[in-house]
N, C-alpha and C. Protein backbone atom coordinates (compact mmCIF):
# COMPACT_ATOMS: atom_id res chain seq x y z
N THR A 1 -82.81 34.16 190.07
CA THR A 1 -81.61 33.33 190.20
C THR A 1 -81.87 31.97 189.56
N PRO A 2 -80.81 31.25 189.26
CA PRO A 2 -81.00 29.90 188.72
C PRO A 2 -81.79 28.98 189.66
N GLN A 3 -81.60 29.17 190.95
CA GLN A 3 -82.33 28.34 191.92
C GLN A 3 -83.83 28.61 191.87
N VAL A 4 -84.20 29.88 191.76
CA VAL A 4 -85.61 30.24 191.68
C VAL A 4 -86.21 29.68 190.39
N GLU A 5 -85.47 29.78 189.30
CA GLU A 5 -85.94 29.26 188.02
C GLU A 5 -86.14 27.74 188.10
N MET A 6 -85.21 27.05 188.77
CA MET A 6 -85.31 25.61 188.92
C MET A 6 -86.53 25.24 189.76
N ARG A 7 -86.76 25.95 190.86
CA ARG A 7 -87.93 25.67 191.70
C ARG A 7 -89.23 25.89 190.93
N ALA A 8 -89.27 26.97 190.17
CA ALA A 8 -90.47 27.25 189.37
C ALA A 8 -90.68 26.14 188.33
N GLY A 9 -89.61 25.72 187.70
CA GLY A 9 -89.70 24.64 186.71
C GLY A 9 -90.21 23.35 187.32
N MET A 10 -89.73 23.02 188.50
CA MET A 10 -90.19 21.81 189.18
C MET A 10 -91.66 21.93 189.57
N SER A 11 -92.08 23.13 189.92
CA SER A 11 -93.49 23.36 190.26
C SER A 11 -94.36 23.12 189.03
N TYR A 12 -93.93 23.65 187.88
CA TYR A 12 -94.68 23.43 186.64
C TYR A 12 -94.73 21.93 186.31
N PHE A 13 -93.60 21.27 186.50
CA PHE A 13 -93.55 19.84 186.23
C PHE A 13 -94.58 19.11 187.07
N HIS A 14 -94.61 19.38 188.35
CA HIS A 14 -95.53 18.67 189.24
C HIS A 14 -96.98 18.99 188.92
N GLU A 15 -97.29 20.25 188.75
CA GLU A 15 -98.69 20.66 188.57
C GLU A 15 -99.24 20.34 187.19
N THR A 16 -98.43 20.43 186.16
CA THR A 16 -98.97 20.23 184.82
C THR A 16 -98.64 18.87 184.24
N ILE A 17 -97.41 18.45 184.35
CA ILE A 17 -97.01 17.20 183.72
C ILE A 17 -97.41 16.01 184.58
N TRP A 18 -97.02 16.02 185.84
CA TRP A 18 -97.27 14.88 186.72
C TRP A 18 -98.77 14.60 186.85
N LYS A 19 -99.57 15.64 186.90
CA LYS A 19 -101.02 15.47 187.02
C LYS A 19 -101.71 15.42 185.65
N GLY A 20 -101.19 16.16 184.71
CA GLY A 20 -101.87 16.31 183.43
C GLY A 20 -101.69 15.17 182.45
N VAL A 21 -100.51 14.58 182.40
CA VAL A 21 -100.27 13.51 181.42
C VAL A 21 -101.16 12.29 181.68
N PRO A 22 -101.25 11.79 182.91
CA PRO A 22 -102.17 10.66 183.12
C PRO A 22 -103.62 10.99 182.74
N LYS A 23 -104.05 12.20 183.05
CA LYS A 23 -105.41 12.61 182.69
C LYS A 23 -105.58 12.62 181.17
N PHE A 24 -104.59 13.15 180.47
CA PHE A 24 -104.62 13.18 179.01
C PHE A 24 -104.68 11.77 178.43
N LEU A 25 -103.84 10.86 178.95
CA LEU A 25 -103.82 9.49 178.45
C LEU A 25 -105.14 8.76 178.71
N ARG A 26 -105.76 9.03 179.85
CA ARG A 26 -107.08 8.44 180.12
C ARG A 26 -108.11 8.96 179.11
N ARG A 27 -108.02 10.24 178.77
CA ARG A 27 -108.95 10.81 177.79
C ARG A 27 -108.72 10.21 176.40
N VAL A 28 -107.47 9.98 176.05
CA VAL A 28 -107.17 9.33 174.76
C VAL A 28 -107.74 7.92 174.76
N ASP A 29 -107.53 7.17 175.85
CA ASP A 29 -108.09 5.82 175.94
C ASP A 29 -109.61 5.84 175.80
N THR A 30 -110.26 6.78 176.46
CA THR A 30 -111.72 6.89 176.38
C THR A 30 -112.16 7.22 174.95
N ALA A 31 -111.46 8.14 174.31
CA ALA A 31 -111.80 8.51 172.93
C ALA A 31 -111.64 7.31 172.00
N LEU A 32 -110.57 6.54 172.17
CA LEU A 32 -110.37 5.36 171.34
C LEU A 32 -111.48 4.34 171.58
N LYS A 33 -111.83 4.14 172.84
CA LYS A 33 -112.90 3.20 173.17
C LYS A 33 -114.22 3.64 172.54
N ASN A 34 -114.47 4.94 172.54
CA ASN A 34 -115.72 5.48 171.97
C ASN A 34 -115.84 5.24 170.47
N ILE A 35 -114.71 5.06 169.80
CA ILE A 35 -114.77 4.79 168.35
C ILE A 35 -114.53 3.31 168.05
N GLY A 36 -114.57 2.48 169.10
CA GLY A 36 -114.50 1.04 168.89
C GLY A 36 -113.13 0.41 168.99
N ILE A 37 -112.14 1.16 169.40
CA ILE A 37 -110.80 0.60 169.59
C ILE A 37 -110.65 0.28 171.07
N ASN A 38 -110.61 -1.01 171.39
CA ASN A 38 -110.60 -1.43 172.79
C ASN A 38 -109.21 -1.73 173.33
N GLU A 39 -108.20 -1.13 172.74
CA GLU A 39 -106.84 -1.28 173.24
C GLU A 39 -106.41 0.02 173.89
N ARG A 40 -105.63 -0.10 174.95
CA ARG A 40 -105.12 1.09 175.63
C ARG A 40 -103.87 1.59 174.91
N VAL A 41 -103.61 2.86 175.05
CA VAL A 41 -102.40 3.44 174.49
C VAL A 41 -101.21 2.89 175.29
N PRO A 42 -100.19 2.34 174.64
CA PRO A 42 -99.03 1.85 175.38
C PRO A 42 -98.34 2.99 176.13
N TYR A 43 -97.79 2.68 177.29
CA TYR A 43 -97.12 3.71 178.09
C TYR A 43 -95.92 4.30 177.38
N ASN A 44 -95.30 3.55 176.49
CA ASN A 44 -94.13 4.07 175.78
C ASN A 44 -94.47 4.67 174.42
N ALA A 45 -95.75 4.89 174.16
CA ALA A 45 -96.16 5.51 172.89
C ALA A 45 -95.70 6.97 172.86
N PRO A 46 -95.09 7.40 171.76
CA PRO A 46 -94.56 8.77 171.68
C PRO A 46 -95.64 9.80 171.37
N LEU A 47 -96.62 9.95 172.27
CA LEU A 47 -97.69 10.92 172.06
C LEU A 47 -97.30 12.34 172.46
N ILE A 48 -96.38 12.44 173.40
CA ILE A 48 -96.02 13.74 173.97
C ILE A 48 -94.50 13.84 174.00
N GLN A 49 -93.99 15.01 173.65
CA GLN A 49 -92.56 15.26 173.73
C GLN A 49 -92.34 16.48 174.61
N PHE A 50 -91.42 16.37 175.54
CA PHE A 50 -91.14 17.46 176.47
C PHE A 50 -89.84 18.15 176.12
N SER A 51 -89.82 19.44 176.39
CA SER A 51 -88.59 20.22 176.27
C SER A 51 -88.65 21.31 177.33
N SER A 52 -87.58 22.05 177.47
CA SER A 52 -87.53 23.05 178.53
C SER A 52 -86.80 24.30 178.05
N TRP A 53 -87.23 25.42 178.57
CA TRP A 53 -86.57 26.69 178.31
C TRP A 53 -85.57 27.00 179.42
N MET A 54 -85.63 26.27 180.52
CA MET A 54 -84.82 26.60 181.70
C MET A 54 -83.33 26.55 181.35
N GLY A 55 -82.64 27.59 181.70
CA GLY A 55 -81.21 27.68 181.45
C GLY A 55 -80.88 28.09 180.03
N GLY A 56 -81.86 28.17 179.17
CA GLY A 56 -81.62 28.49 177.76
C GLY A 56 -81.24 29.94 177.52
N ASP A 57 -81.59 30.82 178.45
CA ASP A 57 -81.26 32.23 178.25
C ASP A 57 -79.99 32.65 178.98
N ARG A 58 -79.34 31.71 179.62
CA ARG A 58 -78.05 31.91 180.30
C ARG A 58 -78.05 33.10 181.24
N ASP A 59 -79.12 33.23 182.01
CA ASP A 59 -79.12 34.31 183.00
C ASP A 59 -78.53 33.77 184.26
C-alpha cells in the first residue's frame, strides 16, 4: 500500500541519510585535512543530491 511504501521510505531516510550524511561529511573533512586543506566543507555545499522512487510507479 502507499502507506507501507511511505513508512519504508521514512525508515530508509532515518537509517541511511540521517545517520550516513553526517558521517560522510566528517570523512570528507578528514580527507581534506589529510591533504592540507584546513577548511571544513560548507553545510550548503552541493556534494549530495537526493531523489526518490516512492510513488513513481503509481501503485
